[in-house]
Amino acid sequence: MNFENFLTKYSFANPQQYNLFKEDYIKHRHSFLINSDDLRIFLNIKNKYVFNNILKKNYIINVDYNIDKDSVIKLTPETAKKICLSTNSKRGREIQKYFIDLEFTLHKYKNYIIEEMNQKIKKLTAKKNRQKNNQKKTILCKKQNKTKNS
């Protein structure tokens, strides 16, 4: 079972609910991908000026965010996640719960994978042992046949 199916089955987290965070963001966590206005709207923060000033005061330009030629502030996925987790609002608390649940579910998924691998190892070991035993029986039968014929 892949992680998205596992998450859907065993978690309260809804992977579609927060499509702001996509799996490929992990590969590009230091790239400036997320429009700060989109994040601000997503977090239900109305005052753009205050949001941008807090962003500029608490984060490092060209590391956590940059400003493109059209004056659009772009954030790294990592910075967007930090902002979401530090936002003290209803949406911020929902996101905090989401990431906590996601972490817990990921831990359960790790254990699920380990258990599945252990079961496969047991099956393969049992199969190999049966094959060894069958080989020993075949050799023993051949030896017994040779002694009877002699």
N, C-alpha and C. Protein backbone atom coordinates (compact mmCIF):
# COMPACT_ATOMS: atom_id res chain seq x y z
N MET A 1 0.85 -1.18 0.00
CA MET A 1 0.00 0.00 0.00
C MET A 1 0.90 1.24 0.00
N ASN A 2 0.64 2.18 -0.90
CA ASN A 2 1.46 3.39 -0.92
C ASN A 2 1.04 4.33 0.21
N PHE A 3 1.86 5.35 0.44
CA PHE A 3 1.64 6.22 1.60
C PHE A 3 0.34 7.02 1.48
N GLU A 4 0.00 7.48 0.29
CA GLU A 4 -1.24 8.26 0.15
C GLU A 4 -2.46 7.41 0.50
N ASN A 5 -2.48 6.15 0.06
CA ASN A 5 -3.59 5.26 0.42
C ASN A 5 -3.58 4.97 1.92
N PHE A 6 -2.39 4.75 2.47
CA PHE A 6 -2.25 4.50 3.91
C PHE A 6 -2.76 5.71 4.69
N LEU A 7 -2.38 6.89 4.24
CA LEU A 7 -2.78 8.14 4.89
C LEU A 7 -4.30 8.28 4.86
N THR A 8 -4.90 8.00 3.73
CA THR A 8 -6.35 8.10 3.60
C THR A 8 -7.06 7.11 4.52
N LYS A 9 -6.49 5.89 4.63
CA LYS A 9 -7.14 4.84 5.42
C LYS A 9 -6.94 5.01 6.93
N TYR A 10 -5.75 5.42 7.35
CA TYR A 10 -5.41 5.39 8.78
C TYR A 10 -5.20 6.76 9.42
N SER A 11 -5.51 7.83 8.74
CA SER A 11 -5.21 9.15 9.29
C SER A 11 -6.44 10.05 9.25
N PHE A 12 -6.42 11.04 10.12
CA PHE A 12 -7.44 12.09 10.08
C PHE A 12 -7.06 13.13 9.03
N ALA A 13 -5.77 13.14 8.64
CA ALA A 13 -5.29 14.11 7.67
C ALA A 13 -5.89 13.83 6.31
N ASN A 14 -6.32 14.87 5.67
CA ASN A 14 -6.88 14.75 4.32
C ASN A 14 -5.85 15.31 3.35
N PRO A 15 -5.18 14.45 2.57
CA PRO A 15 -4.13 14.95 1.70
C PRO A 15 -4.62 15.94 0.65
N GLN A 16 -5.87 15.88 0.25
CA GLN A 16 -6.38 16.82 -0.73
C GLN A 16 -6.72 18.18 -0.11
N GLN A 17 -6.97 18.18 1.19
CA GLN A 17 -7.40 19.41 1.85
C GLN A 17 -6.32 20.49 1.79
N TYR A 18 -5.09 20.08 1.92
CA TYR A 18 -3.99 21.05 1.93
C TYR A 18 -3.08 20.82 0.74
N ASN A 19 -3.61 21.01 -0.46
CA ASN A 19 -2.80 20.77 -1.65
C ASN A 19 -1.75 21.85 -1.86
N LEU A 20 -1.67 22.77 -0.93
CA LEU A 20 -0.61 23.77 -0.95
C LEU A 20 0.75 23.09 -0.77
N PHE A 21 0.74 21.97 -0.04
CA PHE A 21 1.96 21.22 0.22
C PHE A 21 1.94 19.97 -0.63
N LYS A 22 2.76 19.95 -1.63
CA LYS A 22 2.78 18.83 -2.55
C LYS A 22 4.07 18.05 -2.35
N GLU A 23 4.03 16.77 -2.70
CA GLU A 23 5.19 15.90 -2.50
C GLU A 23 6.42 16.43 -3.21
N ASP A 24 6.26 16.98 -4.40
CA ASP A 24 7.44 17.45 -5.12
C ASP A 24 8.06 18.68 -4.48
N TYR A 25 7.36 19.31 -3.53
CA TYR A 25 7.96 20.43 -2.81
C TYR A 25 9.16 19.97 -1.98
N ILE A 26 9.16 18.72 -1.58
CA ILE A 26 10.28 18.20 -0.80
C ILE A 26 11.56 18.28 -1.64
N LYS A 27 11.45 17.93 -2.91
CA LYS A 27 12.60 17.99 -3.81
C LYS A 27 13.06 19.43 -4.00
N HIS A 28 12.13 20.37 -3.93
CA HIS A 28 12.42 21.78 -4.22
C HIS A 28 12.23 22.67 -3.00
N ARG A 29 12.57 22.14 -1.84
CA ARG A 29 12.24 22.87 -0.61
C ARG A 29 12.97 24.19 -0.46
N HIS A 30 14.04 24.40 -1.24
CA HIS A 30 14.77 25.67 -1.16
C HIS A 30 14.49 26.55 -2.38
N SER A 31 13.53 26.16 -3.21
CA SER A 31 13.17 26.96 -4.38
C SER A 31 12.02 27.90 -4.01
N PHE A 32 11.96 29.01 -4.66
CA PHE A 32 10.93 30.00 -4.37
C PHE A 32 9.70 29.69 -5.22
N LEU A 33 8.78 28.92 -4.67
CA LEU A 33 7.66 28.38 -5.42
C LEU A 33 6.30 28.91 -5.01
N ILE A 34 6.18 29.34 -3.77
CA ILE A 34 4.85 29.64 -3.23
C ILE A 34 4.63 31.15 -3.14
N ASN A 35 3.59 31.60 -3.79
CA ASN A 35 3.23 33.01 -3.77
C ASN A 35 2.72 33.35 -2.36
N SER A 36 3.33 34.37 -1.76
CA SER A 36 2.95 34.73 -0.38
C SER A 36 1.49 35.15 -0.28
N ASP A 37 0.95 35.74 -1.34
CA ASP A 37 -0.48 36.13 -1.32
C ASP A 37 -1.36 34.89 -1.27
N ASP A 38 -0.99 33.84 -2.01
CA ASP A 38 -1.76 32.59 -1.96
C ASP A 38 -1.74 32.01 -0.55
N LEU A 39 -0.57 32.04 0.08
CA LEU A 39 -0.46 31.52 1.45
C LEU A 39 -1.26 32.38 2.42
N ARG A 40 -1.16 33.68 2.29
CA ARG A 40 -1.90 34.59 3.17
C ARG A 40 -3.40 34.35 3.06
N ILE A 41 -3.90 34.19 1.84
CA ILE A 41 -5.32 33.93 1.62
C ILE A 41 -5.69 32.56 2.19
N PHE A 42 -4.82 31.58 1.95
CA PHE A 42 -5.05 30.23 2.47
C PHE A 42 -5.17 30.25 4.00
N LEU A 43 -4.36 31.10 4.65
CA LEU A 43 -4.38 31.19 6.11
C LEU A 43 -5.47 32.13 6.63
N ASN A 44 -6.28 32.68 5.73
CA ASN A 44 -7.35 33.63 6.09
C ASN A 44 -6.81 34.87 6.79
N ILE A 45 -5.66 35.34 6.35
CA ILE A 45 -5.08 36.57 6.88
C ILE A 45 -5.44 37.69 5.91
N LYS A 46 -6.13 38.68 6.44
CA LYS A 46 -6.68 39.72 5.57
C LYS A 46 -5.67 40.83 5.24
N ASN A 47 -4.85 41.21 6.20
CA ASN A 47 -3.98 42.36 6.03
C ASN A 47 -2.66 41.98 5.35
N LYS A 48 -2.59 42.27 4.07
CA LYS A 48 -1.41 41.94 3.27
C LYS A 48 -0.17 42.70 3.77
N TYR A 49 -0.34 43.96 4.11
CA TYR A 49 0.77 44.80 4.55
C TYR A 49 1.42 44.23 5.82
N VAL A 50 0.61 43.91 6.80
CA VAL A 50 1.13 43.35 8.06
C VAL A 50 1.80 42.00 7.81
N PHE A 51 1.15 41.15 7.02
CA PHE A 51 1.70 39.84 6.71
C PHE A 51 3.08 39.97 6.06
N ASN A 52 3.19 40.83 5.06
CA ASN A 52 4.47 41.00 4.36
C ASN A 52 5.54 41.60 5.27
N ASN A 53 5.16 42.54 6.13
CA ASN A 53 6.14 43.13 7.05
C ASN A 53 6.66 42.10 8.07
N ILE A 54 5.77 41.27 8.58
CA ILE A 54 6.19 40.21 9.51
C ILE A 54 7.11 39.22 8.78
N LEU A 55 6.75 38.91 7.56
CA LEU A 55 7.58 38.02 6.74
C LEU A 55 8.98 38.59 6.56
N LYS A 56 9.06 39.84 6.16
CA LYS A 56 10.37 40.48 5.91
C LYS A 56 11.18 40.64 7.19
N LYS A 57 10.50 40.84 8.31
CA LYS A 57 11.18 41.02 9.59
C LYS A 57 11.73 39.69 10.13
N ASN A 58 11.03 38.59 9.91
CA ASN A 58 11.37 37.32 10.54
C ASN A 58 12.10 36.32 9.65
N TYR A 59 12.15 36.60 8.35
CA TYR A 59 12.77 35.65 7.43
C TYR A 59 13.82 36.35 6.58
N ILE A 60 14.69 35.56 5.97
CA ILE A 60 15.85 36.09 5.26
C ILE A 60 15.57 36.11 3.75
N ILE A 61 15.76 37.30 3.17
CA ILE A 61 15.56 37.42 1.74
C ILE A 61 16.61 36.60 0.98
N ASN A 62 16.20 36.01 -0.11
CA ASN A 62 17.02 35.14 -0.97
C ASN A 62 17.43 33.84 -0.30
N VAL A 63 16.91 33.59 0.89
CA VAL A 63 17.09 32.29 1.55
C VAL A 63 15.70 31.70 1.79
N ASP A 64 14.85 32.45 2.48
CA ASP A 64 13.50 32.00 2.80
C ASP A 64 12.46 32.52 1.80
N TYR A 65 12.73 33.64 1.22
CA TYR A 65 11.81 34.24 0.25
C TYR A 65 12.61 35.13 -0.70
N ASN A 66 11.99 35.46 -1.81
CA ASN A 66 12.56 36.48 -2.69
C ASN A 66 11.42 37.32 -3.25
N ILE A 67 11.80 38.40 -3.87
CA ILE A 67 10.81 39.30 -4.47
C ILE A 67 11.14 39.36 -5.95
N ASP A 68 10.19 38.94 -6.78
CA ASP A 68 10.47 38.91 -8.22
C ASP A 68 10.29 40.29 -8.84
N LYS A 69 10.54 40.38 -10.13
CA LYS A 69 10.50 41.68 -10.83
C LYS A 69 9.13 42.34 -10.80
N ASP A 70 8.08 41.56 -10.55
CA ASP A 70 6.72 42.11 -10.45
C ASP A 70 6.33 42.42 -9.01
N SER A 71 7.32 42.41 -8.11
CA SER A 71 7.13 42.67 -6.67
C SER A 71 6.30 41.60 -5.98
N VAL A 72 6.27 40.41 -6.55
CA VAL A 72 5.57 39.30 -5.92
C VAL A 72 6.54 38.58 -5.00
N ILE A 73 6.13 38.38 -3.76
CA ILE A 73 6.98 37.68 -2.80
C ILE A 73 6.73 36.19 -2.96
N LYS A 74 7.82 35.47 -3.22
CA LYS A 74 7.75 34.01 -3.39
C LYS A 74 8.50 33.36 -2.22
N LEU A 75 7.88 32.34 -1.65
CA LEU A 75 8.43 31.64 -0.49
C LEU A 75 8.94 30.26 -0.87
N THR A 76 9.88 29.76 -0.09
CA THR A 76 10.25 28.36 -0.23
C THR A 76 9.17 27.54 0.46
N PRO A 77 8.97 26.30 0.06
CA PRO A 77 7.99 25.45 0.76
C PRO A 77 8.30 25.32 2.25
N GLU A 78 9.56 25.26 2.58
CA GLU A 78 9.95 25.16 3.99
C GLU A 78 9.51 26.39 4.77
N THR A 79 9.71 27.57 4.20
CA THR A 79 9.28 28.81 4.85
C THR A 79 7.76 28.86 4.97
N ALA A 80 7.06 28.44 3.91
CA ALA A 80 5.60 28.43 3.96
C ALA A 80 5.11 27.53 5.09
N LYS A 81 5.76 26.38 5.24
CA LYS A 81 5.37 25.46 6.32
C LYS A 81 5.63 26.10 7.68
N LYS A 82 6.77 26.75 7.84
CA LYS A 82 7.08 27.42 9.11
C LYS A 82 6.02 28.48 9.44
N ILE A 83 5.65 29.25 8.43
CA ILE A 83 4.63 30.29 8.64
C ILE A 83 3.31 29.66 9.04
N CYS A 84 2.93 28.60 8.34
CA CYS A 84 1.67 27.92 8.67
C CYS A 84 1.67 27.39 10.10
N LEU A 85 2.78 26.79 10.49
CA LEU A 85 2.85 26.21 11.83
C LEU A 85 2.91 27.26 12.93
N SER A 86 3.34 28.48 12.58
CA SER A 86 3.43 29.53 13.61
C SER A 86 2.22 30.47 13.60
N THR A 87 1.31 30.26 12.68
CA THR A 87 0.13 31.14 12.60
C THR A 87 -0.86 30.78 13.70
N ASN A 88 -1.22 31.78 14.48
CA ASN A 88 -2.15 31.57 15.59
C ASN A 88 -3.56 31.96 15.14
N SER A 89 -4.15 31.07 14.37
CA SER A 89 -5.51 31.28 13.89
C SER A 89 -6.18 29.92 13.79
N LYS A 90 -7.44 29.93 13.47
CA LYS A 90 -8.16 28.66 13.32
C LYS A 90 -7.48 27.81 12.25
N ARG A 91 -7.17 28.40 11.10
CA ARG A 91 -6.52 27.66 10.02
C ARG A 91 -5.13 27.20 10.45
N GLY A 92 -4.41 28.05 11.18
CA GLY A 92 -3.09 27.67 11.68
C GLY A 92 -3.16 26.45 12.58
N ARG A 93 -4.14 26.41 13.47
CA ARG A 93 -4.31 25.25 14.36
C ARG A 93 -4.70 24.00 13.57
N GLU A 94 -5.52 24.18 12.53
CA GLU A 94 -5.86 23.03 11.67
C GLU A 94 -4.61 22.47 11.01
N ILE A 95 -3.75 23.35 10.54
CA ILE A 95 -2.53 22.92 9.87
C ILE A 95 -1.58 22.26 10.86
N GLN A 96 -1.49 22.82 12.07
CA GLN A 96 -0.64 22.19 13.10
C GLN A 96 -1.13 20.78 13.38
N LYS A 97 -2.44 20.61 13.53
CA LYS A 97 -3.02 19.28 13.75
C LYS A 97 -2.73 18.37 12.57
N TYR A 98 -2.85 18.91 11.36
CA TYR A 98 -2.58 18.14 10.15
C TYR A 98 -1.15 17.60 10.16
N PHE A 99 -0.17 18.45 10.44
CA PHE A 99 1.22 18.00 10.40
C PHE A 99 1.55 17.04 11.54
N ILE A 100 0.95 17.25 12.70
CA ILE A 100 1.15 16.31 13.81
C ILE A 100 0.58 14.95 13.44
N ASP A 101 -0.62 14.95 12.89
CA ASP A 101 -1.25 13.69 12.46
C ASP A 101 -0.45 13.03 11.33
N LEU A 102 0.03 13.84 10.42
CA LEU A 102 0.84 13.33 9.31
C LEU A 102 2.11 12.67 9.84
N GLU A 103 2.76 13.29 10.80
CA GLU A 103 3.97 12.72 11.39
C GLU A 103 3.65 11.39 12.08
N PHE A 104 2.57 11.34 12.83
CA PHE A 104 2.16 10.11 13.51
C PHE A 104 1.85 9.01 12.50
N THR A 105 1.13 9.37 11.44
CA THR A 105 0.76 8.40 10.41
C THR A 105 2.00 7.91 9.67
N LEU A 106 2.94 8.79 9.42
CA LEU A 106 4.19 8.38 8.77
C LEU A 106 4.94 7.37 9.64
N HIS A 107 4.94 7.58 10.95
CA HIS A 107 5.56 6.63 11.87
C HIS A 107 4.85 5.28 11.80
N LYS A 108 3.52 5.30 11.78
CA LYS A 108 2.75 4.05 11.65
C LYS A 108 3.06 3.37 10.31
N TYR A 109 3.19 4.16 9.26
CA TYR A 109 3.48 3.61 7.93
C TYR A 109 4.86 2.96 7.92
N LYS A 110 5.83 3.59 8.57
CA LYS A 110 7.17 3.00 8.68
C LYS A 110 7.08 1.63 9.35
N ASN A 111 6.32 1.54 10.44
CA ASN A 111 6.15 0.26 11.13
C ASN A 111 5.42 -0.75 10.26
N TYR A 112 4.45 -0.28 9.49
CA TYR A 112 3.71 -1.15 8.56
C TYR A 112 4.67 -1.73 7.52
N ILE A 113 5.53 -0.91 6.97
CA ILE A 113 6.51 -1.37 5.97
C ILE A 113 7.47 -2.38 6.59
N ILE A 114 7.96 -2.08 7.79
CA ILE A 114 8.87 -3.01 8.47
C ILE A 114 8.19 -4.35 8.70
N GLU A 115 6.94 -4.34 9.17
CA GLU A 115 6.21 -5.58 9.40
C GLU A 115 6.00 -6.35 8.11
N GLU A 116 5.64 -5.65 7.04
CA GLU A 116 5.47 -6.30 5.74
C GLU A 116 6.79 -6.94 5.28
N MET A 117 7.88 -6.23 5.45
CA MET A 117 9.19 -6.77 5.05
C MET A 117 9.56 -7.98 5.90
N ASN A 118 9.30 -7.92 7.20
CA ASN A 118 9.58 -9.06 8.07
C ASN A 118 8.77 -10.28 7.67
N GLN A 119 7.51 -10.07 7.31
CA GLN A 119 6.68 -11.19 6.84
C GLN A 119 7.22 -11.78 5.55
N LYS A 120 7.66 -10.93 4.63
CA LYS A 120 8.25 -11.42 3.38
C LYS A 120 9.53 -12.21 3.65
N ILE A 121 10.33 -11.69 4.58
CA ILE A 121 11.58 -12.39 4.93
C ILE A 121 11.27 -13.77 5.52
N LYS A 122 10.27 -13.84 6.40
CA LYS A 122 9.88 -15.12 6.99
C LYS A 122 9.42 -16.10 5.91
N LYS A 123 8.60 -15.61 4.97
CA LYS A 123 8.11 -16.47 3.88
C LYS A 123 9.27 -16.96 3.01
N LEU A 124 10.17 -16.06 2.67
CA LEU A 124 11.31 -16.44 1.83
C LEU A 124 12.23 -17.42 2.57
N THR A 125 12.44 -17.18 3.86
CA THR A 125 13.27 -18.08 4.66
C THR A 125 12.63 -19.46 4.74
N ALA A 126 11.33 -19.50 4.97
CA ALA A 126 10.61 -20.79 5.04
C ALA A 126 10.69 -21.51 3.70
N LYS A 127 10.52 -20.79 2.62
CA LYS A 127 10.60 -21.39 1.28
C LYS A 127 12.00 -21.93 1.02
N LYS A 128 13.00 -21.17 1.39
CA LYS A 128 14.39 -21.61 1.20
C LYS A 128 14.68 -22.85 2.04
N ASN A 129 14.19 -22.87 3.26
CA ASN A 129 14.38 -24.04 4.14
C ASN A 129 13.69 -25.28 3.56
N ARG A 130 12.47 -25.09 3.01
CA ARG A 130 11.77 -26.21 2.37
C ARG A 130 12.57 -26.73 1.18
N GLN A 131 13.12 -25.82 0.40
CA GLN A 131 13.92 -26.23 -0.76
C GLN A 131 15.17 -26.98 -0.31
N LYS A 132 15.81 -26.51 0.76
CA LYS A 132 16.99 -27.21 1.30
C LYS A 132 16.62 -28.60 1.76
N ASN A 133 15.50 -28.70 2.49
CA ASN A 133 15.04 -30.00 2.99
C ASN A 133 14.72 -30.95 1.83
N ASN A 134 14.10 -30.43 0.78
CA ASN A 134 13.79 -31.25 -0.39
C ASN A 134 15.07 -31.73 -1.07
N GLN A 135 16.07 -30.87 -1.13
CA GLN A 135 17.35 -31.27 -1.72
C GLN A 135 18.00 -32.37 -0.88
N LYS A 136 17.96 -32.22 0.45
CA LYS A 136 18.54 -33.23 1.33
C LYS A 136 17.83 -34.56 1.15
N LYS A 137 16.50 -34.54 1.05
CA LYS A 137 15.73 -35.77 0.85
C LYS A 137 16.10 -36.42 -0.47
N THR A 138 16.27 -35.61 -1.52
CA THR A 138 16.64 -36.14 -2.83
C THR A 138 18.01 -36.79 -2.76
N ILE A 139 18.96 -36.15 -2.13
CA ILE A 139 20.31 -36.71 -2.00
C ILE A 139 20.26 -37.98 -1.17
N LEU A 140 19.50 -37.94 -0.09
CA LEU A 140 19.39 -39.12 0.78
C LEU A 140 18.75 -40.28 0.01
N CYS A 141 17.71 -40.00 -0.78
CA CYS A 141 17.07 -41.05 -1.59
C CYS A 141 18.05 -41.62 -2.60
N LYS A 142 18.84 -40.79 -3.25
CA LYS A 142 19.82 -41.26 -4.23
C LYS A 142 20.87 -42.15 -3.55
N LYS A 143 21.32 -41.73 -2.37
CA LYS A 143 22.31 -42.53 -1.63
C LYS A 143 21.72 -43.87 -1.23
N GLN A 144 20.46 -43.84 -0.77
CA GLN A 144 19.81 -45.09 -0.36
C GLN A 144 19.62 -46.01 -1.58
N ASN A 145 19.29 -45.47 -2.72
CA ASN A 145 19.11 -46.27 -3.92
C ASN A 145 20.43 -46.90 -4.35
N LYS A 146 21.52 -46.17 -4.22
CA LYS A 146 22.83 -46.70 -4.60
C LYS A 146 23.23 -47.85 -3.69
N THR A 147 22.98 -47.71 -2.38
CA THR A 147 23.36 -48.78 -1.44
C THR A 147 22.48 -50.00 -1.65
N LYS A 148 21.25 -49.86 -2.01
CA LYS A 148 20.35 -51.00 -2.24
C LYS A 148 20.79 -51.74 -3.52
N ASN A 149 21.20 -51.01 -4.53
CA ASN A 149 21.60 -51.61 -5.81
C ASN A 149 22.96 -52.28 -5.71
N SER A 150 23.75 -51.89 -4.76
CA SER A 150 25.10 -52.45 -4.67
C SER A 150 25.14 -53.81 -4.12
